[in-house]
Amino acid sequence: MPALGSILETIGSLTQRIRDYERQLEAISKERYPETELLRQVEGVGPLTALAFVLTLEDPYRFAKSRSVGAYLGLVPAQDQSGDRDPQKRISKEGDEMLRKLLVGSAHYILGPFGSESDLRHHGEKIASRGGKNSKKRAVVAVARRLCVLLHRLWVSGELYDPLYNAHRCGDVAA
């Protein structure tokens, strides 16, 4: 017990410092970067991910299409074409590593047990259901890529986020 007391105190102080930093992130996001509120509409995207996204992209209008944001962040397969060969490669991992990891973490949350029903979740589950050795990993990266496209679109348009937009449009979900 005596040995655990000091460890528990250290854990408690670290937990308090983490909460303080989270409050500071919230304050910075609200004061200096109000556009992060648009991005935080998506479940699984917290203040750190939204702030990193805004600070990394800087100007959302420098991308002609939202789809090109995925390539900018290195979430698209690399290419190695030669003659008739066009092998399937891993993601290129170009761009900001921290933001890519945050988006992948958000994708894990969306696909995990706490994620609610959304088009992003359906997309990931569809890819994961194909089976195969790496299907779940592919699904997470695909959801991260689609998430960054969605975040850019929300930022540019300023729209309210509808998690089941495609399902409502196709008539799959009864309202």
N, C-alpha and C. Protein backbone atom coordinates (compact mmCIF):
# COMPACT_ATOMS: atom_id res chain seq x y z
N MET A 1 0.82 -1.21 0.00
CA MET A 1 0.00 0.00 0.00
C MET A 1 0.86 1.27 0.00
N PRO A 2 1.90 1.34 0.81
CA PRO A 2 2.70 2.57 0.81
C PRO A 2 3.32 2.86 -0.57
N ALA A 3 3.74 1.83 -1.27
CA ALA A 3 4.35 2.03 -2.59
C ALA A 3 3.31 2.51 -3.60
N LEU A 4 2.10 2.02 -3.48
CA LEU A 4 1.04 2.42 -4.41
C LEU A 4 0.53 3.83 -4.16
N GLY A 5 0.66 4.31 -2.95
CA GLY A 5 0.18 5.66 -2.61
C GLY A 5 0.82 6.74 -3.47
N SER A 6 2.14 6.67 -3.62
CA SER A 6 2.83 7.69 -4.42
C SER A 6 2.50 7.56 -5.90
N ILE A 7 2.31 6.33 -6.36
CA ILE A 7 1.93 6.13 -7.77
C ILE A 7 0.54 6.69 -8.03
N LEU A 8 -0.39 6.45 -7.09
CA LEU A 8 -1.74 6.97 -7.25
C LEU A 8 -1.77 8.50 -7.21
N GLU A 9 -0.93 9.10 -6.38
CA GLU A 9 -0.83 10.57 -6.34
C GLU A 9 -0.32 11.11 -7.68
N THR A 10 0.67 10.45 -8.23
CA THR A 10 1.22 10.87 -9.53
C THR A 10 0.17 10.76 -10.62
N ILE A 11 -0.57 9.66 -10.63
CA ILE A 11 -1.64 9.48 -11.61
C ILE A 11 -2.71 10.56 -11.45
N GLY A 12 -3.05 10.87 -10.22
CA GLY A 12 -4.05 11.91 -9.96
C GLY A 12 -3.60 13.28 -10.44
N SER A 13 -2.33 13.61 -10.19
CA SER A 13 -1.83 14.93 -10.63
C SER A 13 -1.74 15.00 -12.16
N LEU A 14 -1.34 13.89 -12.79
CA LEU A 14 -1.30 13.86 -14.26
C LEU A 14 -2.70 14.00 -14.86
N THR A 15 -3.67 13.34 -14.25
CA THR A 15 -5.05 13.44 -14.72
C THR A 15 -5.54 14.88 -14.62
N GLN A 16 -5.22 15.56 -13.53
CA GLN A 16 -5.62 16.95 -13.36
C GLN A 16 -4.96 17.85 -14.40
N ARG A 17 -3.68 17.62 -14.68
CA ARG A 17 -2.98 18.41 -15.69
C ARG A 17 -3.57 18.19 -17.08
N ILE A 18 -3.94 16.95 -17.38
CA ILE A 18 -4.57 16.66 -18.67
C ILE A 18 -5.89 17.40 -18.79
N ARG A 19 -6.70 17.41 -17.75
CA ARG A 19 -7.98 18.14 -17.76
C ARG A 19 -7.75 19.64 -17.96
N ASP A 20 -6.71 20.19 -17.31
CA ASP A 20 -6.39 21.61 -17.50
C ASP A 20 -6.01 21.91 -18.94
N TYR A 21 -5.21 21.05 -19.54
CA TYR A 21 -4.82 21.24 -20.94
C TYR A 21 -6.03 21.14 -21.87
N GLU A 22 -6.94 20.21 -21.58
CA GLU A 22 -8.15 20.08 -22.39
C GLU A 22 -9.00 21.35 -22.30
N ARG A 23 -9.10 21.93 -21.10
CA ARG A 23 -9.85 23.19 -20.95
C ARG A 23 -9.18 24.32 -21.74
N GLN A 24 -7.86 24.36 -21.71
CA GLN A 24 -7.14 25.38 -22.47
C GLN A 24 -7.38 25.22 -23.98
N LEU A 25 -7.37 23.97 -24.45
CA LEU A 25 -7.67 23.71 -25.86
C LEU A 25 -9.07 24.18 -26.23
N GLU A 26 -10.02 23.90 -25.37
CA GLU A 26 -11.41 24.34 -25.59
C GLU A 26 -11.47 25.85 -25.69
N ALA A 27 -10.80 26.55 -24.77
CA ALA A 27 -10.82 28.02 -24.76
C ALA A 27 -10.17 28.59 -26.01
N ILE A 28 -9.02 28.06 -26.40
CA ILE A 28 -8.33 28.53 -27.60
C ILE A 28 -9.20 28.30 -28.84
N SER A 29 -9.83 27.12 -28.90
CA SER A 29 -10.69 26.81 -30.05
C SER A 29 -11.84 27.79 -30.16
N LYS A 30 -12.49 28.08 -29.04
CA LYS A 30 -13.65 28.97 -29.07
C LYS A 30 -13.27 30.41 -29.36
N GLU A 31 -12.15 30.88 -28.78
CA GLU A 31 -11.76 32.28 -28.93
C GLU A 31 -11.15 32.58 -30.29
N ARG A 32 -10.16 31.80 -30.68
CA ARG A 32 -9.38 32.13 -31.88
C ARG A 32 -9.83 31.41 -33.14
N TYR A 33 -10.41 30.23 -33.00
CA TYR A 33 -10.76 29.41 -34.17
C TYR A 33 -12.21 28.93 -34.05
N PRO A 34 -13.18 29.82 -34.27
CA PRO A 34 -14.59 29.43 -34.13
C PRO A 34 -15.03 28.38 -35.16
N GLU A 35 -14.29 28.24 -36.26
CA GLU A 35 -14.65 27.25 -37.28
C GLU A 35 -14.51 25.82 -36.76
N THR A 36 -13.80 25.63 -35.65
CA THR A 36 -13.68 24.29 -35.10
C THR A 36 -15.02 23.75 -34.60
N GLU A 37 -15.94 24.65 -34.24
CA GLU A 37 -17.28 24.22 -33.81
C GLU A 37 -18.00 23.49 -34.93
N LEU A 38 -17.83 23.95 -36.17
CA LEU A 38 -18.44 23.27 -37.32
C LEU A 38 -17.93 21.84 -37.43
N LEU A 39 -16.64 21.66 -37.21
CA LEU A 39 -16.03 20.34 -37.37
C LEU A 39 -16.39 19.41 -36.22
N ARG A 40 -16.62 19.97 -35.06
CA ARG A 40 -16.92 19.15 -33.88
C ARG A 40 -18.35 18.62 -33.88
N GLN A 41 -19.13 18.98 -34.89
CA GLN A 41 -20.48 18.42 -35.02
C GLN A 41 -20.41 16.91 -35.25
N VAL A 42 -19.33 16.46 -35.89
CA VAL A 42 -19.16 15.05 -36.21
C VAL A 42 -18.76 14.32 -34.94
N GLU A 43 -19.53 13.30 -34.59
CA GLU A 43 -19.22 12.54 -33.39
C GLU A 43 -17.88 11.82 -33.57
N GLY A 44 -17.01 11.95 -32.59
CA GLY A 44 -15.68 11.35 -32.67
C GLY A 44 -14.60 12.38 -32.94
N VAL A 45 -15.00 13.59 -33.34
CA VAL A 45 -14.04 14.67 -33.58
C VAL A 45 -14.09 15.60 -32.38
N GLY A 46 -12.99 15.63 -31.64
CA GLY A 46 -12.92 16.46 -30.44
C GLY A 46 -12.19 17.77 -30.73
N PRO A 47 -11.95 18.54 -29.67
CA PRO A 47 -11.31 19.84 -29.87
C PRO A 47 -9.89 19.73 -30.43
N LEU A 48 -9.14 18.73 -30.03
CA LEU A 48 -7.77 18.59 -30.52
C LEU A 48 -7.75 18.25 -32.01
N THR A 49 -8.58 17.32 -32.43
CA THR A 49 -8.63 16.94 -33.84
C THR A 49 -9.11 18.11 -34.70
N ALA A 50 -10.15 18.80 -34.26
CA ALA A 50 -10.68 19.93 -35.01
C ALA A 50 -9.65 21.05 -35.12
N LEU A 51 -8.98 21.34 -34.03
CA LEU A 51 -7.98 22.41 -34.04
C LEU A 51 -6.78 22.02 -34.91
N ALA A 52 -6.33 20.79 -34.82
CA ALA A 52 -5.22 20.33 -35.66
C ALA A 52 -5.60 20.39 -37.14
N PHE A 53 -6.84 20.04 -37.47
CA PHE A 53 -7.31 20.08 -38.85
C PHE A 53 -7.29 21.51 -39.38
N VAL A 54 -7.82 22.44 -38.60
CA VAL A 54 -7.88 23.85 -39.02
C VAL A 54 -6.47 24.42 -39.16
N LEU A 55 -5.60 24.13 -38.21
CA LEU A 55 -4.25 24.69 -38.24
C LEU A 55 -3.38 24.06 -39.34
N THR A 56 -3.63 22.81 -39.66
CA THR A 56 -2.85 22.15 -40.70
C THR A 56 -3.26 22.63 -42.09
N LEU A 57 -4.56 22.72 -42.33
CA LEU A 57 -5.02 23.14 -43.66
C LEU A 57 -4.92 24.65 -43.86
N GLU A 58 -5.00 25.42 -42.79
CA GLU A 58 -4.92 26.87 -42.78
C GLU A 58 -6.03 27.53 -43.59
N ASP A 59 -6.04 27.37 -44.91
CA ASP A 59 -7.04 27.99 -45.76
C ASP A 59 -7.81 26.90 -46.49
N PRO A 60 -9.10 26.73 -46.19
CA PRO A 60 -9.85 25.63 -46.82
C PRO A 60 -10.05 25.84 -48.32
N TYR A 61 -9.91 27.07 -48.79
CA TYR A 61 -10.19 27.35 -50.20
C TYR A 61 -8.99 27.09 -51.10
N ARG A 62 -7.89 26.65 -50.52
CA ARG A 62 -6.74 26.31 -51.37
C ARG A 62 -6.92 24.95 -52.04
N PHE A 63 -7.93 24.20 -51.63
CA PHE A 63 -8.24 22.92 -52.25
C PHE A 63 -9.47 23.09 -53.13
N ALA A 64 -9.34 22.78 -54.40
CA ALA A 64 -10.46 22.92 -55.33
C ALA A 64 -11.57 21.92 -54.99
N LYS A 65 -11.18 20.72 -54.58
CA LYS A 65 -12.14 19.68 -54.23
C LYS A 65 -11.82 19.15 -52.84
N SER A 66 -12.86 18.80 -52.11
CA SER A 66 -12.66 18.24 -50.77
C SER A 66 -11.93 16.90 -50.83
N ARG A 67 -12.09 16.18 -51.94
CA ARG A 67 -11.44 14.87 -52.07
C ARG A 67 -9.92 14.97 -52.06
N SER A 68 -9.38 16.11 -52.47
CA SER A 68 -7.93 16.24 -52.53
C SER A 68 -7.30 16.41 -51.14
N VAL A 69 -8.12 16.66 -50.12
CA VAL A 69 -7.59 16.80 -48.76
C VAL A 69 -7.05 15.46 -48.27
N GLY A 70 -7.71 14.36 -48.64
CA GLY A 70 -7.24 13.03 -48.25
C GLY A 70 -5.84 12.75 -48.78
N ALA A 71 -5.59 13.15 -50.02
CA ALA A 71 -4.26 12.96 -50.60
C ALA A 71 -3.24 13.86 -49.92
N TYR A 72 -3.64 15.09 -49.60
CA TYR A 72 -2.74 16.03 -48.93
C TYR A 72 -2.29 15.50 -47.58
N LEU A 73 -3.17 14.78 -46.90
CA LEU A 73 -2.85 14.23 -45.58
C LEU A 73 -2.25 12.82 -45.64
N GLY A 74 -2.08 12.27 -46.83
CA GLY A 74 -1.44 10.97 -46.99
C GLY A 74 -2.34 9.80 -46.68
N LEU A 75 -3.64 9.97 -46.88
CA LEU A 75 -4.59 8.89 -46.59
C LEU A 75 -5.08 8.19 -47.85
N VAL A 76 -4.32 8.28 -48.94
CA VAL A 76 -4.66 7.59 -50.18
C VAL A 76 -3.54 6.60 -50.51
N PRO A 77 -3.87 5.54 -51.24
CA PRO A 77 -2.82 4.56 -51.59
C PRO A 77 -1.74 5.18 -52.46
N ALA A 78 -0.49 4.82 -52.19
CA ALA A 78 0.62 5.27 -53.02
C ALA A 78 0.56 4.55 -54.37
N GLN A 79 1.16 5.14 -55.38
CA GLN A 79 1.14 4.53 -56.71
C GLN A 79 2.54 4.12 -57.12
N ASP A 80 2.59 3.00 -57.85
CA ASP A 80 3.84 2.51 -58.40
C ASP A 80 3.52 1.80 -59.70
N GLN A 81 3.15 2.58 -60.72
CA GLN A 81 2.75 2.00 -61.99
C GLN A 81 3.96 1.79 -62.88
N SER A 82 3.98 0.64 -63.52
CA SER A 82 5.05 0.33 -64.45
C SER A 82 4.49 -0.61 -65.50
N GLY A 83 4.38 -0.12 -66.72
CA GLY A 83 3.83 -0.95 -67.79
C GLY A 83 2.39 -1.32 -67.49
N ASP A 84 2.10 -2.60 -67.50
CA ASP A 84 0.74 -3.09 -67.21
C ASP A 84 0.50 -3.30 -65.73
N ARG A 85 1.54 -3.18 -64.93
CA ARG A 85 1.42 -3.40 -63.49
C ARG A 85 0.90 -2.16 -62.79
N ASP A 86 -0.02 -2.36 -61.88
CA ASP A 86 -0.52 -1.28 -61.03
C ASP A 86 -0.84 -1.89 -59.66
N PRO A 87 0.19 -2.21 -58.88
CA PRO A 87 -0.06 -2.92 -57.62
C PRO A 87 -0.74 -2.04 -56.57
N GLN A 88 -1.52 -2.70 -55.73
CA GLN A 88 -2.17 -2.03 -54.60
C GLN A 88 -1.13 -1.82 -53.52
N LYS A 89 -0.89 -0.55 -53.16
CA LYS A 89 0.14 -0.26 -52.17
C LYS A 89 -0.50 0.31 -50.91
N ARG A 90 0.33 0.53 -49.90
CA ARG A 90 -0.13 1.13 -48.65
C ARG A 90 -0.37 2.61 -48.84
N ILE A 91 -0.96 3.25 -47.82
CA ILE A 91 -1.19 4.69 -47.92
C ILE A 91 0.15 5.41 -48.02
N SER A 92 0.12 6.58 -48.66
CA SER A 92 1.37 7.29 -48.95
C SER A 92 2.02 7.90 -47.71
N LYS A 93 1.25 8.21 -46.68
CA LYS A 93 1.73 8.81 -45.43
C LYS A 93 2.44 10.13 -45.67
N GLU A 94 2.03 10.84 -46.71
CA GLU A 94 2.53 12.20 -46.93
C GLU A 94 1.75 13.12 -46.01
N GLY A 95 2.22 14.31 -45.82
CA GLY A 95 1.46 15.27 -45.03
C GLY A 95 1.74 15.15 -43.54
N ASP A 96 0.87 15.78 -42.77
CA ASP A 96 1.05 15.91 -41.32
C ASP A 96 0.74 14.60 -40.60
N GLU A 97 1.74 14.06 -39.94
CA GLU A 97 1.60 12.76 -39.26
C GLU A 97 0.65 12.84 -38.07
N MET A 98 0.74 13.93 -37.30
CA MET A 98 -0.11 14.05 -36.11
C MET A 98 -1.59 14.11 -36.49
N LEU A 99 -1.92 14.91 -37.50
CA LEU A 99 -3.32 15.01 -37.91
C LEU A 99 -3.82 13.68 -38.46
N ARG A 100 -2.97 12.99 -39.21
CA ARG A 100 -3.36 11.68 -39.74
C ARG A 100 -3.67 10.72 -38.59
N LYS A 101 -2.84 10.73 -37.56
CA LYS A 101 -3.08 9.85 -36.40
C LYS A 101 -4.36 10.25 -35.67
N LEU A 102 -4.61 11.55 -35.55
CA LEU A 102 -5.84 12.00 -34.89
C LEU A 102 -7.08 11.59 -35.68
N LEU A 103 -7.01 11.69 -37.01
CA LEU A 103 -8.15 11.28 -37.84
C LEU A 103 -8.37 9.77 -37.77
N VAL A 104 -7.29 9.01 -37.72
CA VAL A 104 -7.42 7.55 -37.58
C VAL A 104 -8.01 7.22 -36.21
N GLY A 105 -7.61 7.96 -35.18
CA GLY A 105 -8.20 7.75 -33.85
C GLY A 105 -9.69 8.06 -33.84
N SER A 106 -10.08 9.12 -34.53
CA SER A 106 -11.51 9.45 -34.65
C SER A 106 -12.25 8.36 -35.40
N ALA A 107 -11.60 7.82 -36.43
CA ALA A 107 -12.23 6.73 -37.20
C ALA A 107 -12.40 5.49 -36.33
N HIS A 108 -11.43 5.20 -35.48
CA HIS A 108 -11.56 4.08 -34.55
C HIS A 108 -12.76 4.29 -33.63
N TYR A 109 -12.94 5.51 -33.15
CA TYR A 109 -14.08 5.81 -32.28
C TYR A 109 -15.39 5.61 -33.04
N ILE A 110 -15.46 6.11 -34.27
CA ILE A 110 -16.68 6.01 -35.08
C ILE A 110 -17.04 4.55 -35.32
N LEU A 111 -16.05 3.72 -35.59
CA LEU A 111 -16.30 2.30 -35.87
C LEU A 111 -16.39 1.44 -34.60
N GLY A 112 -15.99 2.00 -33.48
CA GLY A 112 -15.96 1.24 -32.23
C GLY A 112 -17.33 1.10 -31.59
N PRO A 113 -17.36 0.55 -30.39
CA PRO A 113 -18.64 0.27 -29.72
C PRO A 113 -19.40 1.53 -29.29
N PHE A 114 -18.71 2.67 -29.18
CA PHE A 114 -19.38 3.88 -28.71
C PHE A 114 -19.85 4.78 -29.84
N GLY A 115 -19.46 4.47 -31.06
CA GLY A 115 -19.87 5.27 -32.21
C GLY A 115 -21.33 5.04 -32.53
N SER A 116 -22.03 6.12 -32.86
CA SER A 116 -23.45 6.00 -33.17
C SER A 116 -23.64 5.75 -34.67
N GLU A 117 -24.88 5.49 -35.05
CA GLU A 117 -25.21 5.23 -36.45
C GLU A 117 -24.91 6.47 -37.29
N SER A 118 -24.15 6.28 -38.36
CA SER A 118 -23.85 7.38 -39.27
C SER A 118 -23.43 6.79 -40.61
N ASP A 119 -23.39 7.66 -41.62
CA ASP A 119 -22.93 7.21 -42.93
C ASP A 119 -21.48 6.77 -42.88
N LEU A 120 -20.67 7.45 -42.07
CA LEU A 120 -19.26 7.06 -41.93
C LEU A 120 -19.14 5.65 -41.37
N ARG A 121 -19.94 5.36 -40.36
CA ARG A 121 -19.91 4.03 -39.75
C ARG A 121 -20.36 2.96 -40.74
N HIS A 122 -21.42 3.25 -41.48
CA HIS A 122 -21.91 2.29 -42.49
C HIS A 122 -20.84 2.02 -43.55
N HIS A 123 -20.16 3.08 -43.97
CA HIS A 123 -19.10 2.94 -44.97
C HIS A 123 -17.99 2.02 -44.45
N GLY A 124 -17.55 2.25 -43.21
CA GLY A 124 -16.50 1.43 -42.63
C GLY A 124 -16.93 -0.01 -42.42
N GLU A 125 -18.16 -0.21 -41.97
CA GLU A 125 -18.66 -1.58 -41.75
C GLU A 125 -18.77 -2.35 -43.07
N LYS A 126 -19.14 -1.65 -44.12
CA LYS A 126 -19.25 -2.27 -45.44
C LYS A 126 -17.88 -2.77 -45.91
N ILE A 127 -16.85 -1.95 -45.71
CA ILE A 127 -15.49 -2.34 -46.12
C ILE A 127 -14.98 -3.46 -45.22
N ALA A 128 -15.25 -3.38 -43.92
CA ALA A 128 -14.78 -4.42 -42.99
C ALA A 128 -15.46 -5.75 -43.24
N SER A 129 -16.70 -5.72 -43.74
CA SER A 129 -17.44 -6.97 -43.95
C SER A 129 -16.94 -7.76 -45.15
N ARG A 130 -16.12 -7.16 -45.97
CA ARG A 130 -15.58 -7.87 -47.13
C ARG A 130 -14.65 -9.00 -46.72
N GLY A 131 -14.20 -8.95 -45.49
CA GLY A 131 -13.32 -10.00 -45.00
C GLY A 131 -11.89 -9.74 -45.41
N GLY A 132 -11.09 -10.73 -45.23
CA GLY A 132 -9.68 -10.57 -45.57
C GLY A 132 -8.86 -10.25 -44.35
N LYS A 133 -7.57 -10.38 -44.52
CA LYS A 133 -6.65 -10.24 -43.41
C LYS A 133 -6.63 -8.82 -42.84
N ASN A 134 -6.67 -7.83 -43.71
CA ASN A 134 -6.52 -6.45 -43.27
C ASN A 134 -7.79 -5.63 -43.45
N SER A 135 -8.93 -6.27 -43.50
CA SER A 135 -10.16 -5.54 -43.82
C SER A 135 -10.53 -4.49 -42.78
N LYS A 136 -10.30 -4.78 -41.51
CA LYS A 136 -10.62 -3.79 -40.47
C LYS A 136 -9.68 -2.60 -40.53
N LYS A 137 -8.40 -2.86 -40.81
CA LYS A 137 -7.45 -1.76 -40.94
C LYS A 137 -7.80 -0.89 -42.14
N ARG A 138 -8.17 -1.53 -43.24
CA ARG A 138 -8.57 -0.79 -44.43
C ARG A 138 -9.81 0.05 -44.16
N ALA A 139 -10.72 -0.52 -43.40
CA ALA A 139 -11.95 0.20 -43.08
C ALA A 139 -11.65 1.45 -42.25
N VAL A 140 -10.75 1.34 -41.30
CA VAL A 140 -10.40 2.49 -40.45
C VAL A 140 -9.77 3.60 -41.29
N VAL A 141 -8.85 3.24 -42.18
CA VAL A 141 -8.20 4.24 -43.02
C VAL A 141 -9.21 4.86 -43.99
N ALA A 142 -10.11 4.03 -44.52
CA ALA A 142 -11.13 4.56 -45.43
C ALA A 142 -12.07 5.54 -44.72
N VAL A 143 -12.43 5.23 -43.49
CA VAL A 143 -13.27 6.14 -42.71
C VAL A 143 -12.51 7.41 -42.38
N ALA A 144 -11.23 7.30 -42.06
CA ALA A 144 -10.42 8.49 -41.79
C ALA A 144 -10.33 9.38 -43.03
N ARG A 145 -10.16 8.76 -44.19
CA ARG A 145 -10.10 9.53 -45.44
C ARG A 145 -11.43 10.22 -45.71
N ARG A 146 -12.51 9.50 -45.55
CA ARG A 146 -13.84 10.09 -45.78
C ARG A 146 -14.14 11.15 -44.73
N LEU A 147 -13.64 10.96 -43.51
CA LEU A 147 -13.83 11.94 -42.45
C LEU A 147 -13.14 13.25 -42.79
N CYS A 148 -11.92 13.19 -43.31
CA CYS A 148 -11.23 14.44 -43.64
C CYS A 148 -11.91 15.15 -44.80
N VAL A 149 -12.47 14.41 -45.74
CA VAL A 149 -13.24 15.02 -46.84
C VAL A 149 -14.49 15.69 -46.27
N LEU A 150 -15.17 15.02 -45.36
CA LEU A 150 -16.38 15.56 -44.74
C LEU A 150 -16.06 16.82 -43.94
N LEU A 151 -14.98 16.79 -43.16
CA LEU A 151 -14.62 17.95 -42.35
C LEU A 151 -14.31 19.15 -43.23
N HIS A 152 -13.61 18.92 -44.32
CA HIS A 152 -13.31 20.02 -45.23
C HIS A 152 -14.60 20.58 -45.83
N ARG A 153 -15.49 19.69 -46.22
CA ARG A 153 -16.76 20.13 -46.83
C ARG A 153 -17.58 20.94 -45.83
N LEU A 154 -17.64 20.48 -44.58
CA LEU A 154 -18.37 21.23 -43.55
C LEU A 154 -17.75 22.60 -43.32
N TRP A 155 -16.43 22.65 -43.32
CA TRP A 155 -15.73 23.91 -43.08
C TRP A 155 -15.99 24.91 -44.21
N VAL A 156 -15.95 24.44 -45.46
CA VAL A 156 -16.16 25.33 -46.60
C VAL A 156 -17.61 25.79 -46.69
N SER A 157 -18.53 24.86 -46.51
CA SER A 157 -19.94 25.19 -46.71
C SER A 157 -20.61 25.80 -45.48
N GLY A 158 -20.11 25.46 -44.28
CA GLY A 158 -20.73 25.96 -43.05
C GLY A 158 -22.06 25.30 -42.75
N GLU A 159 -22.33 24.16 -43.34
CA GLU A 159 -23.60 23.45 -43.17
C GLU A 159 -23.68 22.75 -41.81
N LEU A 160 -24.90 22.41 -41.43
CA LEU A 160 -25.10 21.54 -40.28
C LEU A 160 -24.86 20.11 -40.72
N TYR A 161 -24.27 19.34 -39.86
CA TYR A 161 -23.92 17.96 -40.18
C TYR A 161 -25.10 17.04 -39.92
N ASP A 162 -25.45 16.24 -40.92
CA ASP A 162 -26.48 15.22 -40.78
C ASP A 162 -25.78 13.86 -40.86
N PRO A 163 -25.66 13.14 -39.74
CA PRO A 163 -24.90 11.89 -39.74
C PRO A 163 -25.46 10.83 -40.68
N LEU A 164 -26.75 10.88 -40.98
CA LEU A 164 -27.35 9.88 -41.86
C LEU A 164 -27.86 10.53 -43.15
N TYR A 165 -27.08 11.47 -43.70
CA TYR A 165 -27.49 12.20 -44.89
C TYR A 165 -27.75 11.26 -46.07
N ASN A 166 -26.81 10.37 -46.35
CA ASN A 166 -26.98 9.45 -47.49
C ASN A 166 -28.10 8.47 -47.25
N ALA A 167 -28.25 8.00 -46.03
CA ALA A 167 -29.32 7.05 -45.72
C ALA A 167 -30.69 7.72 -45.90
N HIS A 168 -30.82 8.98 -45.48
CA HIS A 168 -32.09 9.70 -45.64
C HIS A 168 -32.35 9.98 -47.11
N ARG A 169 -31.30 10.33 -47.84
CA ARG A 169 -31.45 10.65 -49.25
C ARG A 169 -31.87 9.42 -50.06
N CYS A 170 -31.34 8.27 -49.69
CA CYS A 170 -31.67 7.04 -50.41
C CYS A 170 -32.95 6.41 -49.90
N GLY A 171 -33.45 6.85 -48.75
CA GLY A 171 -34.68 6.30 -48.20
C GLY A 171 -34.47 5.02 -47.46
N ASP A 172 -33.23 4.73 -47.04
CA ASP A 172 -32.95 3.48 -46.32
C ASP A 172 -33.42 3.51 -44.89
N VAL A 173 -33.44 4.70 -44.27
CA VAL A 173 -33.79 4.81 -42.86
C VAL A 173 -35.13 5.50 -42.75
N ALA A 174 -36.04 4.90 -42.01
CA ALA A 174 -37.36 5.52 -41.78
C ALA A 174 -37.22 6.64 -40.77
N ALA A 175 -37.74 7.78 -41.11
CA ALA A 175 -37.62 8.93 -40.22
C ALA A 175 -38.76 8.98 -39.24
